[in-house]
């Protein structure tokens, strides 16, 4: 199952270029692109990339590549990220509650309806 999502990185650089470089370093580790890193995701695309047809601006619209957190755009960016995090948490928590109500222990152990996956996602 492939899931696409927007992942935000909060960094403390002084320029947009430094913020983008720091974010890419974080994402490189998340896709296993550096020694001693563990791949959590298959790939990443940043919003400065124009040649992609499956992610970035093509999929999510014209989001900023980077924005100072104390700017209006940065504040909106942070609010969008936090609201998305809360919504995803609630969605997974609801799936966990449903699994506990509806599935047997054995069914949960077999990861029926991706119940165990939802348990893991709540803990992330």
PDB file of N, CA and C in Angstrom:
ATOM      1  N   UNK A   1       0.842  -1.170   0.000  1.00  0.00           N
ATOM      2  CA  UNK A   1       0.000   0.000   0.000  1.00  0.00           C
ATOM      3  C   UNK A   1       0.891   1.238   0.000  1.00  0.00           C
ATOM      4  N   UNK A   2       0.706   2.100  -0.978  1.00  0.00           N
ATOM      5  CA  UNK A   2       1.444   3.348  -1.063  1.00  0.00           C
ATOM      6  C   UNK A   2       0.569   4.477  -0.550  1.00  0.00           C
ATOM      7  N   UNK A   3       1.140   5.257   0.311  1.00  0.00           N
ATOM      8  CA  UNK A   3       0.419   6.410   0.831  1.00  0.00           C
ATOM      9  C   UNK A   3       1.282   7.639   0.574  1.00  0.00           C
ATOM     10  N   UNK A   4       0.683   8.657   0.041  1.00  0.00           N
ATOM     11  CA  UNK A   4       1.379   9.914  -0.191  1.00  0.00           C
ATOM     12  C   UNK A   4       0.933  10.907   0.862  1.00  0.00           C
ATOM     13  N   UNK A   5       1.890  11.676   1.362  1.00  0.00           N
ATOM     14  CA  UNK A   5       1.576  12.672   2.378  1.00  0.00           C
ATOM     15  C   UNK A   5       2.574  13.810   2.303  1.00  0.00           C
ATOM     16  N   UNK A   6       2.177  14.916   2.844  1.00  0.00           N
ATOM     17  CA  UNK A   6       3.085  16.045   2.983  1.00  0.00           C
ATOM     18  C   UNK A   6       3.725  15.926   4.358  1.00  0.00           C
ATOM     19  N   UNK A   7       5.052  15.952   4.383  1.00  0.00           N
ATOM     20  CA  UNK A   7       5.793  15.896   5.635  1.00  0.00           C
ATOM     21  C   UNK A   7       6.547  17.215   5.776  1.00  0.00           C
ATOM     22  N   UNK A   8       6.412  17.815   6.927  1.00  0.00           N
ATOM     23  CA  UNK A   8       7.022  19.115   7.186  1.00  0.00           C
ATOM     24  C   UNK A   8       8.261  18.935   8.050  1.00  0.00           C
ATOM     25  N   UNK A   9       9.268  19.746   7.810  1.00  0.00           N
ATOM     26  CA  UNK A   9      10.471  19.751   8.636  1.00  0.00           C
ATOM     27  C   UNK A   9      10.648  21.160   9.193  1.00  0.00           C
ATOM     28  N   UNK A  10      10.799  21.273  10.500  1.00  0.00           N
ATOM     29  CA  UNK A  10      11.072  22.564  11.135  1.00  0.00           C
ATOM     30  C   UNK A  10      12.577  22.669  11.348  1.00  0.00           C
ATOM     31  N   UNK A  11      13.163  23.706  10.823  1.00  0.00           N
ATOM     32  CA  UNK A  11      14.603  23.922  10.894  1.00  0.00           C
ATOM     33  C   UNK A  11      14.879  25.335  11.386  1.00  0.00           C
ATOM     34  N   UNK A  12      16.126  25.589  11.791  1.00  0.00           N
ATOM     35  CA  UNK A  12      16.500  26.918  12.279  1.00  0.00           C
ATOM     36  C   UNK A  12      17.572  27.580  11.414  1.00  0.00           C
ATOM     37  N   UNK A  13      17.440  27.584  10.116  1.00  0.00           N
ATOM     38  CA  UNK A  13      18.437  28.219   9.260  1.00  0.00           C
ATOM     39  C   UNK A  13      18.157  29.711   9.121  1.00  0.00           C
ATOM     40  N   UNK A  14      19.091  30.404   8.488  1.00  0.00           N
ATOM     41  CA  UNK A  14      18.890  31.839   8.321  1.00  0.00           C
ATOM     42  C   UNK A  14      18.373  32.197   6.925  1.00  0.00           C
ATOM     43  N   UNK A  15      18.447  31.267   5.974  1.00  0.00           N
ATOM     44  CA  UNK A  15      17.957  31.555   4.627  1.00  0.00           C
ATOM     45  C   UNK A  15      17.064  30.412   4.137  1.00  0.00           C
ATOM     46  N   UNK A  16      16.305  30.685   3.081  1.00  0.00           N
ATOM     47  CA  UNK A  16      15.451  29.651   2.495  1.00  0.00           C
ATOM     48  C   UNK A  16      16.300  28.502   1.942  1.00  0.00           C
ATOM     49  N   UNK A  17      17.437  28.830   1.320  1.00  0.00           N
ATOM     50  CA  UNK A  17      18.315  27.782   0.785  1.00  0.00           C
ATOM     51  C   UNK A  17      18.844  26.876   1.891  1.00  0.00           C
ATOM     52  N   UNK A  18      19.221  27.466   3.031  1.00  0.00           N
ATOM     53  CA  UNK A  18      19.689  26.656   4.164  1.00  0.00           C
ATOM     54  C   UNK A  18      18.558  25.789   4.716  1.00  0.00           C
ATOM     55  N   UNK A  19      17.357  26.335   4.768  1.00  0.00           N
ATOM     56  CA  UNK A  19      16.204  25.571   5.250  1.00  0.00           C
ATOM     57  C   UNK A  19      15.934  24.389   4.332  1.00  0.00           C
ATOM     58  N   UNK A  20      15.981  24.618   3.031  1.00  0.00           N
ATOM     59  CA  UNK A  20      15.743  23.550   2.065  1.00  0.00           C
ATOM     60  C   UNK A  20      16.827  22.476   2.180  1.00  0.00           C
ATOM     61  N   UNK A  21      18.086  22.884   2.299  1.00  0.00           N
ATOM     62  CA  UNK A  21      19.183  21.914   2.437  1.00  0.00           C
ATOM     63  C   UNK A  21      19.031  21.101   3.721  1.00  0.00           C
ATOM     64  N   UNK A  22      18.673  21.755   4.817  1.00  0.00           N
ATOM     65  CA  UNK A  22      18.484  21.043   6.088  1.00  0.00           C
ATOM     66  C   UNK A  22      17.307  20.080   5.996  1.00  0.00           C
ATOM     67  N   UNK A  23      16.217  20.510   5.386  1.00  0.00           N
ATOM     68  CA  UNK A  23      15.058  19.635   5.209  1.00  0.00           C
ATOM     69  C   UNK A  23      15.391  18.434   4.347  1.00  0.00           C
ATOM     70  N   UNK A  24      16.111  18.650   3.246  1.00  0.00           N
ATOM     71  CA  UNK A  24      16.504  17.543   2.377  1.00  0.00           C
ATOM     72  C   UNK A  24      17.400  16.550   3.120  1.00  0.00           C
ATOM     73  N   UNK A  25      18.260  17.045   4.000  1.00  0.00           N
ATOM     74  CA  UNK A  25      19.110  16.141   4.786  1.00  0.00           C
ATOM     75  C   UNK A  25      18.252  15.249   5.687  1.00  0.00           C
ATOM     76  N   UNK A  26      17.224  15.828   6.295  1.00  0.00           N
ATOM     77  CA  UNK A  26      16.296  15.047   7.124  1.00  0.00           C
ATOM     78  C   UNK A  26      15.593  14.002   6.273  1.00  0.00           C
ATOM     79  N   UNK A  27      15.084  14.420   5.118  1.00  0.00           N
ATOM     80  CA  UNK A  27      14.332  13.502   4.255  1.00  0.00           C
ATOM     81  C   UNK A  27      15.240  12.425   3.660  1.00  0.00           C
ATOM     82  N   UNK A  28      16.506  12.771   3.381  1.00  0.00           N
ATOM     83  CA  UNK A  28      17.454  11.753   2.909  1.00  0.00           C
ATOM     84  C   UNK A  28      17.587  10.627   3.921  1.00  0.00           C
ATOM     85  N   UNK A  29      17.649  10.988   5.197  1.00  0.00           N
ATOM     86  CA  UNK A  29      17.733   9.950   6.241  1.00  0.00           C
ATOM     87  C   UNK A  29      16.461   9.108   6.277  1.00  0.00           C
ATOM     88  N   UNK A  30      15.312   9.727   6.050  1.00  0.00           N
ATOM     89  CA  UNK A  30      14.040   9.006   6.107  1.00  0.00           C
ATOM     90  C   UNK A  30      13.831   8.046   4.938  1.00  0.00           C
ATOM     91  N   UNK A  31      14.548   8.255   3.840  1.00  0.00           N
ATOM     92  CA  UNK A  31      14.448   7.333   2.707  1.00  0.00           C
ATOM     93  C   UNK A  31      15.658   6.409   2.623  1.00  0.00           C
ATOM     94  N   UNK A  32      16.513   6.441   3.654  1.00  0.00           N
ATOM     95  CA  UNK A  32      17.672   5.551   3.677  1.00  0.00           C
ATOM     96  C   UNK A  32      18.784   5.992   2.761  1.00  0.00           C
ATOM     97  N   UNK A  33      18.849   7.272   2.449  1.00  0.00           N
ATOM     98  CA  UNK A  33      19.838   7.795   1.518  1.00  0.00           C
ATOM     99  C   UNK A  33      21.189   8.098   2.126  1.00  0.00           C
ATOM    100  N   UNK A  34      21.344   7.907   3.414  1.00  0.00           N
ATOM    101  CA  UNK A  34      22.619   8.152   4.083  1.00  0.00           C
ATOM    102  C   UNK A  34      23.051   6.890   4.814  1.00  0.00           C
ATOM    103  N   UNK A  35      24.382   6.698   4.967  1.00  0.00           N
ATOM    104  CA  UNK A  35      24.838   5.532   5.741  1.00  0.00           C
ATOM    105  C   UNK A  35      24.236   5.544   7.145  1.00  0.00           C
ATOM    106  N   UNK A  36      23.903   4.390   7.645  1.00  0.00           N
ATOM    107  CA  UNK A  36      23.350   4.201   8.993  1.00  0.00           C
ATOM    108  C   UNK A  36      21.945   4.769   9.150  1.00  0.00           C
ATOM    109  N   UNK A  37      21.281   5.059   8.046  1.00  0.00           N
ATOM    110  CA  UNK A  37      19.900   5.529   8.154  1.00  0.00           C
ATOM    111  C   UNK A  37      18.957   4.385   7.817  1.00  0.00           C
ATOM    112  N   UNK A  38      17.775   4.469   8.369  1.00  0.00           N
ATOM    113  CA  UNK A  38      16.770   3.428   8.175  1.00  0.00           C
ATOM    114  C   UNK A  38      15.653   3.997   7.311  1.00  0.00           C
ATOM    115  N   UNK A  39      15.369   3.344   6.203  1.00  0.00           N
ATOM    116  CA  UNK A  39      14.341   3.841   5.289  1.00  0.00           C
ATOM    117  C   UNK A  39      12.956   3.707   5.913  1.00  0.00           C
ATOM    118  N   UNK A  40      12.287   4.818   6.064  1.00  0.00           N
ATOM    119  CA  UNK A  40      10.923   4.862   6.565  1.00  0.00           C
ATOM    120  C   UNK A  40       9.965   5.103   5.395  1.00  0.00           C
ATOM    121  N   UNK A  41      10.428   5.839   4.402  1.00  0.00           N
ATOM    122  CA  UNK A  41       9.640   6.175   3.225  1.00  0.00           C
ATOM    123  C   UNK A  41      10.390   5.740   1.971  1.00  0.00           C
ATOM    124  N   UNK A  42       9.665   5.590   0.876  1.00  0.00           N
ATOM    125  CA  UNK A  42      10.260   5.146  -0.378  1.00  0.00           C
ATOM    126  C   UNK A  42      10.984   6.254  -1.132  1.00  0.00           C
ATOM    127  N   UNK A  43      10.489   7.462  -1.050  1.00  0.00           N
ATOM    128  CA  UNK A  43      11.089   8.581  -1.763  1.00  0.00           C
ATOM    129  C   UNK A  43      10.541   9.875  -1.188  1.00  0.00           C
ATOM    130  N   UNK A  44      11.114  10.997  -1.611  1.00  0.00           N
ATOM    131  CA  UNK A  44      10.556  12.294  -1.247  1.00  0.00           C
ATOM    132  C   UNK A  44      10.727  13.260  -2.404  1.00  0.00           C
ATOM    133  N   UNK A  45       9.873  14.239  -2.434  1.00  0.00           N
ATOM    134  CA  UNK A  45       9.918  15.315  -3.413  1.00  0.00           C
ATOM    135  C   UNK A  45       9.730  16.604  -2.632  1.00  0.00           C
ATOM    136  N   UNK A  46      10.539  17.596  -2.927  1.00  0.00           N
ATOM    137  CA  UNK A  46      10.360  18.901  -2.284  1.00  0.00           C
ATOM    138  C   UNK A  46       9.612  19.830  -3.238  1.00  0.00           C
ATOM    139  N   UNK A  47       9.085  20.900  -2.703  1.00  0.00           N
ATOM    140  CA  UNK A  47       8.216  21.766  -3.487  1.00  0.00           C
ATOM    141  C   UNK A  47       8.962  22.716  -4.415  1.00  0.00           C
ATOM    142  N   UNK A  48      10.274  22.587  -4.495  1.00  0.00           N
ATOM    143  CA  UNK A  48      11.026  23.344  -5.492  1.00  0.00           C
ATOM    144  C   UNK A  48      11.242  22.526  -6.761  1.00  0.00           C
ATOM    145  N   UNK A  49      10.857  21.255  -6.751  1.00  0.00           N
ATOM    146  CA  UNK A  49      11.050  20.374  -7.897  1.00  0.00           C
ATOM    147  C   UNK A  49       9.888  20.534  -8.875  1.00  0.00           C
ATOM    148  N   UNK A  50      10.217  20.748 -10.130  1.00  0.00           N
ATOM    149  CA  UNK A  50       9.201  20.999 -11.151  1.00  0.00           C
ATOM    150  C   UNK A  50       8.932  19.786 -12.034  1.00  0.00           C
ATOM    151  N   UNK A  51       9.823  18.810 -12.056  1.00  0.00           N
ATOM    152  CA  UNK A  51       9.731  17.705 -13.020  1.00  0.00           C
ATOM    153  C   UNK A  51       9.105  16.446 -12.451  1.00  0.00           C
ATOM    154  N   UNK A  52       8.208  16.567 -11.518  1.00  0.00           N
ATOM    155  CA  UNK A  52       7.554  15.389 -10.958  1.00  0.00           C
ATOM    156  C   UNK A  52       6.082  15.393 -11.319  1.00  0.00           C
ATOM    157  N   UNK A  53       5.555  14.203 -11.525  1.00  0.00           N
ATOM    158  CA  UNK A  53       4.137  14.093 -11.882  1.00  0.00           C
ATOM    159  C   UNK A  53       3.321  13.407 -10.792  1.00  0.00           C
ATOM    160  N   UNK A  54       3.977  13.001  -9.687  1.00  0.00           N
ATOM    161  CA  UNK A  54       3.261  12.239  -8.657  1.00  0.00           C
ATOM    162  C   UNK A  54       3.243  12.898  -7.291  1.00  0.00           C
ATOM    163  N   UNK A  55       4.016  13.926  -7.077  1.00  0.00           N
ATOM    164  CA  UNK A  55       4.095  14.526  -5.747  1.00  0.00           C
ATOM    165  C   UNK A  55       4.402  16.009  -5.874  1.00  0.00           C
ATOM    166  N   UNK A  56       4.730  16.620  -4.737  1.00  0.00           N
ATOM    167  CA  UNK A  56       5.051  18.039  -4.748  1.00  0.00           C
ATOM    168  C   UNK A  56       3.876  18.881  -5.198  1.00  0.00           C
ATOM    169  N   UNK A  57       4.173  19.938  -5.935  1.00  0.00           N
ATOM    170  CA  UNK A  57       3.128  20.871  -6.377  1.00  0.00           C
ATOM    171  C   UNK A  57       2.095  20.195  -7.270  1.00  0.00           C
ATOM    172  N   UNK A  58       2.537  19.208  -8.044  1.00  0.00           N
ATOM    173  CA  UNK A  58       1.623  18.513  -8.937  1.00  0.00           C
ATOM    174  C   UNK A  58       0.476  17.875  -8.174  1.00  0.00           C
ATOM    175  N   UNK A  59       0.783  17.293  -7.015  1.00  0.00           N
ATOM    176  CA  UNK A  59      -0.229  16.593  -6.233  1.00  0.00           C
ATOM    177  C   UNK A  59      -0.890  17.484  -5.191  1.00  0.00           C
ATOM    178  N   UNK A  60      -0.121  18.360  -4.543  1.00  0.00           N
ATOM    179  CA  UNK A  60      -0.607  19.084  -3.367  1.00  0.00           C
ATOM    180  C   UNK A  60      -0.848  20.570  -3.598  1.00  0.00           C
ATOM    181  N   UNK A  61      -0.544  21.069  -4.776  1.00  0.00           N
ATOM    182  CA  UNK A  61      -0.759  22.485  -5.033  1.00  0.00           C
ATOM    183  C   UNK A  61       0.480  23.308  -4.735  1.00  0.00           C
ATOM    184  N   UNK A  62       0.334  24.579  -4.756  1.00  0.00           N
ATOM    185  CA  UNK A  62       1.456  25.503  -4.665  1.00  0.00           C
ATOM    186  C   UNK A  62       1.790  25.839  -3.215  1.00  0.00           C
ATOM    187  N   UNK A  63       2.367  24.892  -2.497  1.00  0.00           N
ATOM    188  CA  UNK A  63       2.824  25.148  -1.134  1.00  0.00           C
ATOM    189  C   UNK A  63       4.229  25.735  -1.186  1.00  0.00           C
ATOM    190  N   UNK A  64       4.608  26.516  -0.182  1.00  0.00           N
ATOM    191  CA  UNK A  64       5.953  27.088  -0.197  1.00  0.00           C
ATOM    192  C   UNK A  64       7.017  26.006   0.016  1.00  0.00           C
ATOM    193  N   UNK A  65       8.164  26.203  -0.596  1.00  0.00           N
ATOM    194  CA  UNK A  65       9.295  25.300  -0.394  1.00  0.00           C
ATOM    195  C   UNK A  65       9.803  25.447   1.034  1.00  0.00           C
ATOM    196  N   UNK A  66       9.880  26.671   1.504  1.00  0.00           N
ATOM    197  CA  UNK A  66      10.288  26.978   2.875  1.00  0.00           C
ATOM    198  C   UNK A  66       9.724  28.351   3.221  1.00  0.00           C
ATOM    199  N   UNK A  67       9.470  28.567   4.504  1.00  0.00           N
ATOM    200  CA  UNK A  67       8.946  29.865   4.935  1.00  0.00           C
ATOM    201  C   UNK A  67       9.366  30.114   6.377  1.00  0.00           C
ATOM    202  N   UNK A  68       9.753  31.350   6.698  1.00  0.00           N
ATOM    203  CA  UNK A  68      10.072  31.674   8.094  1.00  0.00           C
ATOM    204  C   UNK A  68       8.833  31.478   8.966  1.00  0.00           C
ATOM    205  N   UNK A  69       9.001  30.845  10.087  1.00  0.00           N
ATOM    206  CA  UNK A  69       7.871  30.507  10.958  1.00  0.00           C
ATOM    207  C   UNK A  69       7.183  31.757  11.503  1.00  0.00           C
ATOM    208  N   UNK A  70       7.901  32.861  11.593  1.00  0.00           N
ATOM    209  CA  UNK A  70       7.306  34.088  12.126  1.00  0.00           C
ATOM    210  C   UNK A  70       6.682  34.961  11.038  1.00  0.00           C
ATOM    211  N   UNK A  71       6.606  34.438   9.808  1.00  0.00           N
ATOM    212  CA  UNK A  71       5.921  35.164   8.738  1.00  0.00           C
ATOM    213  C   UNK A  71       4.479  34.669   8.642  1.00  0.00           C
ATOM    214  N   UNK A  72       3.631  35.422   7.942  1.00  0.00           N
ATOM    215  CA  UNK A  72       2.241  34.987   7.764  1.00  0.00           C
ATOM    216  C   UNK A  72       2.195  33.644   7.031  1.00  0.00           C
ATOM    217  N   UNK A  73       3.008  33.518   5.987  1.00  0.00           N
ATOM    218  CA  UNK A  73       3.048  32.276   5.221  1.00  0.00           C
ATOM    219  C   UNK A  73       3.558  31.115   6.085  1.00  0.00           C
ATOM    220  N   UNK A  74       4.586  31.378   6.890  1.00  0.00           N
ATOM    221  CA  UNK A  74       5.125  30.343   7.770  1.00  0.00           C
ATOM    222  C   UNK A  74       4.134  29.922   8.835  1.00  0.00           C
ATOM    223  N   UNK A  75       3.400  30.881   9.381  1.00  0.00           N
ATOM    224  CA  UNK A  75       2.379  30.583  10.386  1.00  0.00           C
ATOM    225  C   UNK A  75       1.268  29.728   9.779  1.00  0.00           C
ATOM    226  N   UNK A  76       0.839  30.075   8.579  1.00  0.00           N
ATOM    227  CA  UNK A  76      -0.173  29.264   7.887  1.00  0.00           C
ATOM    228  C   UNK A  76       0.357  27.857   7.604  1.00  0.00           C
ATOM    229  N   UNK A  77       1.611  27.774   7.210  1.00  0.00           N
ATOM    230  CA  UNK A  77       2.274  26.501   6.926  1.00  0.00           C
ATOM    231  C   UNK A  77       2.298  25.630   8.183  1.00  0.00           C
ATOM    232  N   UNK A  78       2.688  26.217   9.306  1.00  0.00           N
ATOM    233  CA  UNK A  78       2.745  25.488  10.574  1.00  0.00           C
ATOM    234  C   UNK A  78       1.347  25.048  11.011  1.00  0.00           C
ATOM    235  N   UNK A  79       0.361  25.921  10.890  1.00  0.00           N
ATOM    236  CA  UNK A  79      -1.016  25.555  11.245  1.00  0.00           C
ATOM    237  C   UNK A  79      -1.523  24.414  10.384  1.00  0.00           C
ATOM    238  N   UNK A  80      -1.229  24.462   9.090  1.00  0.00           N
ATOM    239  CA  UNK A  80      -1.640  23.381   8.189  1.00  0.00           C
ATOM    240  C   UNK A  80      -0.988  22.068   8.609  1.00  0.00           C
ATOM    241  N   UNK A  81       0.300  22.123   8.932  1.00  0.00           N
ATOM    242  CA  UNK A  81       1.019  20.915   9.355  1.00  0.00           C
ATOM    243  C   UNK A  81       0.436  20.359  10.646  1.00  0.00           C
ATOM    244  N   UNK A  82       0.209  21.222  11.633  1.00  0.00           N
ATOM    245  CA  UNK A  82      -0.308  20.762  12.922  1.00  0.00           C
ATOM    246  C   UNK A  82      -1.723  20.206  12.783  1.00  0.00           C
ATOM    247  N   UNK A  83      -2.556  20.880  12.005  1.00  0.00           N
ATOM    248  CA  UNK A  83      -3.924  20.382  11.796  1.00  0.00           C
ATOM    249  C   UNK A  83      -3.910  19.035  11.084  1.00  0.00           C
ATOM    250  N   UNK A  84      -3.037  18.867  10.107  1.00  0.00           N
ATOM    251  CA  UNK A  84      -2.906  17.581   9.428  1.00  0.00           C
ATOM    252  C   UNK A  84      -2.456  16.483  10.374  1.00  0.00           C
ATOM    253  N   UNK A  85      -1.534  16.811  11.260  1.00  0.00           N
ATOM    254  CA  UNK A  85      -1.052  15.846  12.254  1.00  0.00           C
ATOM    255  C   UNK A  85      -2.185  15.421  13.177  1.00  0.00           C
ATOM    256  N   UNK A  86      -2.953  16.387  13.664  1.00  0.00           N
ATOM    257  CA  UNK A  86      -4.071  16.062  14.557  1.00  0.00           C
ATOM    258  C   UNK A  86      -5.127  15.227  13.841  1.00  0.00           C
ATOM    259  N   UNK A  87      -5.439  15.569  12.598  1.00  0.00           N
ATOM    260  CA  UNK A  87      -6.443  14.813  11.841  1.00  0.00           C
ATOM    261  C   UNK A  87      -5.989  13.375  11.608  1.00  0.00           C
ATOM    262  N   UNK A  88      -4.725  13.184  11.249  1.00  0.00           N
ATOM    263  CA  UNK A  88      -4.205  11.834  11.005  1.00  0.00           C
ATOM    264  C   UNK A  88      -4.177  11.031  12.300  1.00  0.00           C
ATOM    265  N   UNK A  89      -3.784  11.667  13.399  1.00  0.00           N
ATOM    266  CA  UNK A  89      -3.806  10.990  14.691  1.00  0.00           C
ATOM    267  C   UNK A  89      -5.223  10.529  15.028  1.00  0.00           C
ATOM    268  N   UNK A  90      -6.197  11.414  14.872  1.00  0.00           N
ATOM    269  CA  UNK A  90      -7.580  11.072  15.198  1.00  0.00           C
ATOM    270  C   UNK A  90      -8.102   9.962  14.299  1.00  0.00           C
ATOM    271  N   UNK A  91      -7.763  10.019  13.011  1.00  0.00           N
ATOM    272  CA  UNK A  91      -8.186   8.978  12.077  1.00  0.00           C
ATOM    273  C   UNK A  91      -7.648   7.614  12.507  1.00  0.00           C
ATOM    274  N   UNK A  92      -6.373   7.564  12.864  1.00  0.00           N
ATOM    275  CA  UNK A  92      -5.781   6.303  13.297  1.00  0.00           C
ATOM    276  C   UNK A  92      -6.307   5.864  14.655  1.00  0.00           C
ATOM    277  N   UNK A  93      -6.533   6.803  15.565  1.00  0.00           N
ATOM    278  CA  UNK A  93      -7.089   6.461  16.868  1.00  0.00           C
ATOM    279  C   UNK A  93      -8.485   5.865  16.710  1.00  0.00           C
ATOM    280  N   UNK A  94      -9.276   6.427  15.817  1.00  0.00           N
ATOM    281  CA  UNK A  94     -10.606   5.869  15.551  1.00  0.00           C
ATOM    282  C   UNK A  94     -10.504   4.452  14.997  1.00  0.00           C
ATOM    283  N   UNK A  95      -9.544   4.208  14.120  1.00  0.00           N
ATOM    284  CA  UNK A  95      -9.345   2.861  13.580  1.00  0.00           C
ATOM    285  C   UNK A  95      -8.958   1.885  14.690  1.00  0.00           C
ATOM    286  N   UNK A  96      -8.112   2.322  15.627  1.00  0.00           N
ATOM    287  CA  UNK A  96      -7.720   1.468  16.755  1.00  0.00           C
ATOM    288  C   UNK A  96      -8.940   1.137  17.610  1.00  0.00           C
ATOM    289  N   UNK A  97      -9.741   2.142  17.933  1.00  0.00           N
ATOM    290  CA  UNK A  97     -10.943   1.915  18.752  1.00  0.00           C
ATOM    291  C   UNK A  97     -11.894   0.944  18.066  1.00  0.00           C
ATOM    292  N   UNK A  98     -12.089   1.114  16.775  1.00  0.00           N
ATOM    293  CA  UNK A  98     -12.958   0.199  16.028  1.00  0.00           C
ATOM    294  C   UNK A  98     -12.404  -1.218  16.050  1.00  0.00           C
ATOM    295  N   UNK A  99     -11.107  -1.361  15.853  1.00  0.00           N
ATOM    296  CA  UNK A  99     -10.493  -2.694  15.855  1.00  0.00           C
ATOM    297  C   UNK A  99     -10.683  -3.367  17.207  1.00  0.00           C
ATOM    298  N   UNK A 100     -10.503  -2.625  18.286  1.00  0.00           N
ATOM    299  CA  UNK A 100     -10.679  -3.201  19.620  1.00  0.00           C
ATOM    300  C   UNK A 100     -12.122  -3.613  19.859  1.00  0.00           C
ATOM    301  N   UNK A 101     -13.057  -2.849  19.315  1.00  0.00           N
ATOM    302  CA  UNK A 101     -14.475  -3.165  19.484  1.00  0.00           C
ATOM    303  C   UNK A 101     -14.935  -4.313  18.593  1.00  0.00           C
ATOM    304  N   UNK A 102     -14.380  -4.411  17.388  1.00  0.00           N
ATOM    305  CA  UNK A 102     -14.945  -5.303  16.378  1.00  0.00           C
ATOM    306  C   UNK A 102     -14.129  -6.558  16.091  1.00  0.00           C
ATOM    307  N   UNK A 103     -12.847  -6.569  16.391  1.00  0.00           N
ATOM    308  CA  UNK A 103     -11.997  -7.688  15.987  1.00  0.00           C
ATOM    309  C   UNK A 103     -11.568  -8.522  17.186  1.00  0.00           C
ATOM    310  N   UNK A 104     -11.357  -9.791  16.931  1.00  0.00           N
ATOM    311  CA  UNK A 104     -10.826 -10.669  17.971  1.00  0.00           C
ATOM    312  C   UNK A 104      -9.326 -10.412  18.124  1.00  0.00           C
ATOM    313  N   UNK A 105      -8.776 -10.903  19.221  1.00  0.00           N
ATOM    314  CA  UNK A 105      -7.339 -10.778  19.430  1.00  0.00           C
ATOM    315  C   UNK A 105      -6.569 -11.412  18.270  1.00  0.00           C
ATOM    316  N   UNK A 106      -7.051 -12.562  17.804  1.00  0.00           N
ATOM    317  CA  UNK A 106      -6.394 -13.261  16.701  1.00  0.00           C
ATOM    318  C   UNK A 106      -6.440 -12.438  15.416  1.00  0.00           C
ATOM    319  N   UNK A 107      -7.566 -11.814  15.159  1.00  0.00           N
ATOM    320  CA  UNK A 107      -7.702 -10.990  13.956  1.00  0.00           C
ATOM    321  C   UNK A 107      -6.763  -9.785  14.026  1.00  0.00           C
ATOM    322  N   UNK A 108      -6.645  -9.212  15.205  1.00  0.00           N
ATOM    323  CA  UNK A 108      -5.714  -8.088  15.370  1.00  0.00           C
ATOM    324  C   UNK A 108      -4.294  -8.580  15.176  1.00  0.00           C
ATOM    325  N   UNK A 109      -3.964  -9.744  15.716  1.00  0.00           N
ATOM    326  CA  UNK A 109      -2.625 -10.303  15.567  1.00  0.00           C
ATOM    327  C   UNK A 109      -2.294 -10.520  14.087  1.00  0.00           C
ATOM    328  N   UNK A 110      -3.287 -10.924  13.296  1.00  0.00           N
ATOM    329  CA  UNK A 110      -3.083 -11.134  11.856  1.00  0.00           C
ATOM    330  C   UNK A 110      -3.095  -9.811  11.080  1.00  0.00           C
ATOM    331  N   UNK A 111      -3.318  -8.726  11.763  1.00  0.00           N
ATOM    332  CA  UNK A 111      -3.370  -7.388  11.167  1.00  0.00           C
ATOM    333  C   UNK A 111      -4.543  -7.246  10.202  1.00  0.00           C
ATOM    334  N   UNK A 112      -5.656  -7.903  10.540  1.00  0.00           N
ATOM    335  CA  UNK A 112      -6.856  -7.774   9.733  1.00  0.00           C
ATOM    336  C   UNK A 112      -7.274  -6.305   9.687  1.00  0.00           C
ATOM    337  N   UNK A 113      -7.684  -5.872   8.524  1.00  0.00           N
ATOM    338  CA  UNK A 113      -8.083  -4.471   8.300  1.00  0.00           C
ATOM    339  C   UNK A 113      -6.975  -3.486   8.687  1.00  0.00           C
ATOM    340  N   UNK A 114      -5.732  -3.953   8.648  1.00  0.00           N
ATOM    341  CA  UNK A 114      -4.566  -3.131   9.012  1.00  0.00           C
ATOM    342  C   UNK A 114      -4.672  -2.563  10.428  1.00  0.00           C
ATOM    343  N   UNK A 115      -5.263  -3.349  11.325  1.00  0.00           N
ATOM    344  CA  UNK A 115      -5.449  -2.902  12.707  1.00  0.00           C
ATOM    345  C   UNK A 115      -4.118  -2.615  13.382  1.00  0.00           C
ATOM    346  N   UNK A 116      -3.166  -3.533  13.279  1.00  0.00           N
ATOM    347  CA  UNK A 116      -1.869  -3.325  13.941  1.00  0.00           C
ATOM    348  C   UNK A 116      -1.139  -2.135  13.340  1.00  0.00           C
ATOM    349  N   UNK A 117      -1.317  -1.941  12.066  1.00  0.00           N
ATOM    350  CA  UNK A 117      -0.720  -0.773  11.423  1.00  0.00           C
ATOM    351  C   UNK A 117      -1.272   0.508  12.058  1.00  0.00           C
ATOM    352  N   UNK A 118      -2.581   0.538  12.291  1.00  0.00           N
ATOM    353  CA  UNK A 118      -3.192   1.709  12.927  1.00  0.00           C
ATOM    354  C   UNK A 118      -2.655   1.884  14.340  1.00  0.00           C
ATOM    355  N   UNK A 119      -2.463   0.782  15.075  1.00  0.00           N
ATOM    356  CA  UNK A 119      -1.892   0.867  16.422  1.00  0.00           C
ATOM    357  C   UNK A 119      -0.525   1.544  16.352  1.00  0.00           C
ATOM    358  N   UNK A 120       0.278   1.099  15.408  1.00  0.00           N
ATOM    359  CA  UNK A 120       1.618   1.679  15.252  1.00  0.00           C
ATOM    360  C   UNK A 120       1.534   3.161  14.906  1.00  0.00           C
ATOM    361  N   UNK A 121       0.646   3.514  13.982  1.00  0.00           N
ATOM    362  CA  UNK A 121       0.533   4.895  13.547  1.00  0.00           C
ATOM    363  C   UNK A 121       0.122   5.831  14.687  1.00  0.00           C
ATOM    364  N   UNK A 122      -0.696   5.355  15.610  1.00  0.00           N
ATOM    365  CA  UNK A 122      -1.080   6.180  16.756  1.00  0.00           C
ATOM    366  C   UNK A 122       0.150   6.474  17.615  1.00  0.00           C
ATOM    367  N   UNK A 123       1.055   5.526  17.680  1.00  0.00           N
ATOM    368  CA  UNK A 123       2.251   5.697  18.508  1.00  0.00           C
ATOM    369  C   UNK A 123       3.342   6.526  17.875  1.00  0.00           C
ATOM    370  N   UNK A 124       3.219   6.837  16.592  1.00  0.00           N
ATOM    371  CA  UNK A 124       4.274   7.575  15.900  1.00  0.00           C
ATOM    372  C   UNK A 124       4.171   9.053  16.202  1.00  0.00           C
TER     373      UNK A 124
END
